[in-house]
């Protein structure tokens, strides 16, 4: 019996949905996850790479992403950070890190 998508898949879907809602062209180039736990919480760490046009709309959407409300079933995004943004040939590739906690 399947329990549904894992937290990494849900984070990626939430980011893609937020980009579409904002009218921002974006492609998820990479997504990886690993389990994480503290003394009181269980969750996962996520690394993502997003590719989009090197334009004002993508930059504006990306700048607001760490504070965006990205609901995902069964989890809370406890932290989301833009690690780096590389620009070349009219494209921007952003590296993100996220931490999800199971609810």
Protein backbone atom coordinates (compact mmCIF):
# COMPACT_ATOMS: atom_id res chain seq x y z
CA UNK A 1 0.00 0.00 0.00
CA UNK A 2 1.41 3.39 -1.03
CA UNK A 3 1.48 6.33 1.36
CA UNK A 4 1.68 8.90 -1.42
CA UNK A 5 4.50 11.13 -2.57
CA UNK A 6 7.46 11.77 -0.27
CA UNK A 7 8.28 15.20 1.16
CA UNK A 8 10.84 15.92 -1.58
CA UNK A 9 8.24 15.41 -4.29
CA UNK A 10 5.73 17.55 -2.39
CA UNK A 11 8.26 20.40 -1.96
CA UNK A 12 9.10 20.31 -5.68
CA UNK A 13 5.39 20.34 -6.62
CA UNK A 14 4.68 23.24 -4.24
CA UNK A 15 7.52 25.31 -5.73
CA UNK A 16 6.41 24.52 -9.29
CA UNK A 17 2.81 25.44 -8.40
CA UNK A 18 3.91 28.74 -6.81
CA UNK A 19 5.94 29.62 -9.92
CA UNK A 20 2.97 28.89 -12.22
CA UNK A 21 0.67 30.95 -9.98
CA UNK A 22 3.13 33.85 -10.23
CA UNK A 23 3.33 33.46 -14.02
CA UNK A 24 7.02 32.67 -13.74
CA UNK A 25 8.67 30.34 -16.23
CA UNK A 26 10.74 27.87 -14.23
CA UNK A 27 12.01 24.32 -14.68
CA UNK A 28 13.05 22.08 -11.81
CA UNK A 29 16.50 20.91 -12.93
CA UNK A 30 17.43 18.84 -9.87
CA UNK A 31 15.77 17.65 -6.67
CA UNK A 32 17.32 15.46 -4.00
CA UNK A 33 16.32 14.67 -0.42
CA UNK A 34 17.72 12.96 2.64
CA UNK A 35 16.06 12.02 5.93
CA UNK A 36 16.76 14.27 8.91
CA UNK A 37 15.89 14.14 12.61
CA UNK A 38 16.56 16.12 15.75
CA UNK A 39 15.74 15.23 19.34
CA UNK A 40 12.15 16.42 18.83
CA UNK A 41 11.46 16.51 15.07
CA UNK A 42 11.57 14.17 12.08
CA UNK A 43 11.79 15.41 8.53
CA UNK A 44 14.05 15.76 5.52
CA UNK A 45 16.61 18.08 3.97
CA UNK A 46 16.12 18.97 0.30
CA UNK A 47 18.41 20.35 -2.36
CA UNK A 48 16.85 21.81 -5.48
CA UNK A 49 18.10 23.51 -8.62
CA UNK A 50 15.70 25.77 -10.53
CA UNK A 51 16.32 27.04 -14.04
CA UNK A 52 14.54 30.09 -15.39
CA UNK A 53 15.00 33.15 -17.56
CA UNK A 54 17.44 35.75 -16.28
CA UNK A 55 14.75 38.41 -16.06
CA UNK A 56 13.08 40.63 -13.47
CA UNK A 57 10.03 38.35 -13.06
CA UNK A 58 12.13 35.29 -12.18
CA UNK A 59 14.39 37.34 -9.87
CA UNK A 60 11.38 38.87 -8.09
CA UNK A 61 9.64 35.50 -7.64
CA UNK A 62 12.85 33.86 -6.47
CA UNK A 63 13.54 36.64 -3.93
CA UNK A 64 10.11 36.08 -2.34
CA UNK A 65 10.29 32.29 -2.33
CA UNK A 66 11.88 31.86 1.14
CA UNK A 67 8.89 33.68 2.69
CA UNK A 68 6.21 32.13 0.45
CA UNK A 69 3.42 30.03 1.92
CA UNK A 70 4.05 26.61 0.37
CA UNK A 71 1.63 24.18 2.00
CA UNK A 72 2.50 20.50 1.69
CA UNK A 73 0.40 17.66 3.07
CA UNK A 74 1.77 16.11 6.25
CA UNK A 75 4.78 18.42 6.48
CA UNK A 76 5.82 22.00 7.20
CA UNK A 77 8.60 23.75 5.35
CA UNK A 78 10.60 24.90 8.37
CA UNK A 79 13.32 26.64 6.35
CA UNK A 80 13.89 27.51 2.71
CA UNK A 81 17.02 29.34 1.54
CA UNK A 82 18.42 30.49 -1.78
CA UNK A 83 22.03 29.25 -1.66
CA UNK A 84 23.23 30.70 -4.95
CA UNK A 85 22.11 32.04 -8.31
CA UNK A 86 24.27 31.61 -11.42
CA UNK A 87 23.53 33.63 -14.55
CA UNK A 88 24.71 32.84 -18.08
CA UNK A 89 23.41 33.27 -21.63
CA UNK A 90 20.08 34.77 -20.54
CA UNK A 91 19.33 31.96 -18.05
CA UNK A 92 19.46 31.88 -14.25
CA UNK A 93 20.02 28.72 -12.22
CA UNK A 94 19.17 28.94 -8.53
CA UNK A 95 20.34 26.46 -5.92
CA UNK A 96 17.95 26.09 -2.96
CA UNK A 97 17.99 24.21 0.32
CA UNK A 98 14.87 23.38 2.29
CA UNK A 99 14.09 21.63 5.54
CA UNK A 100 10.74 19.93 6.04
CA UNK A 101 9.33 18.66 9.32
CA UNK A 102 6.61 16.01 9.57
CA UNK A 103 3.40 17.17 11.24
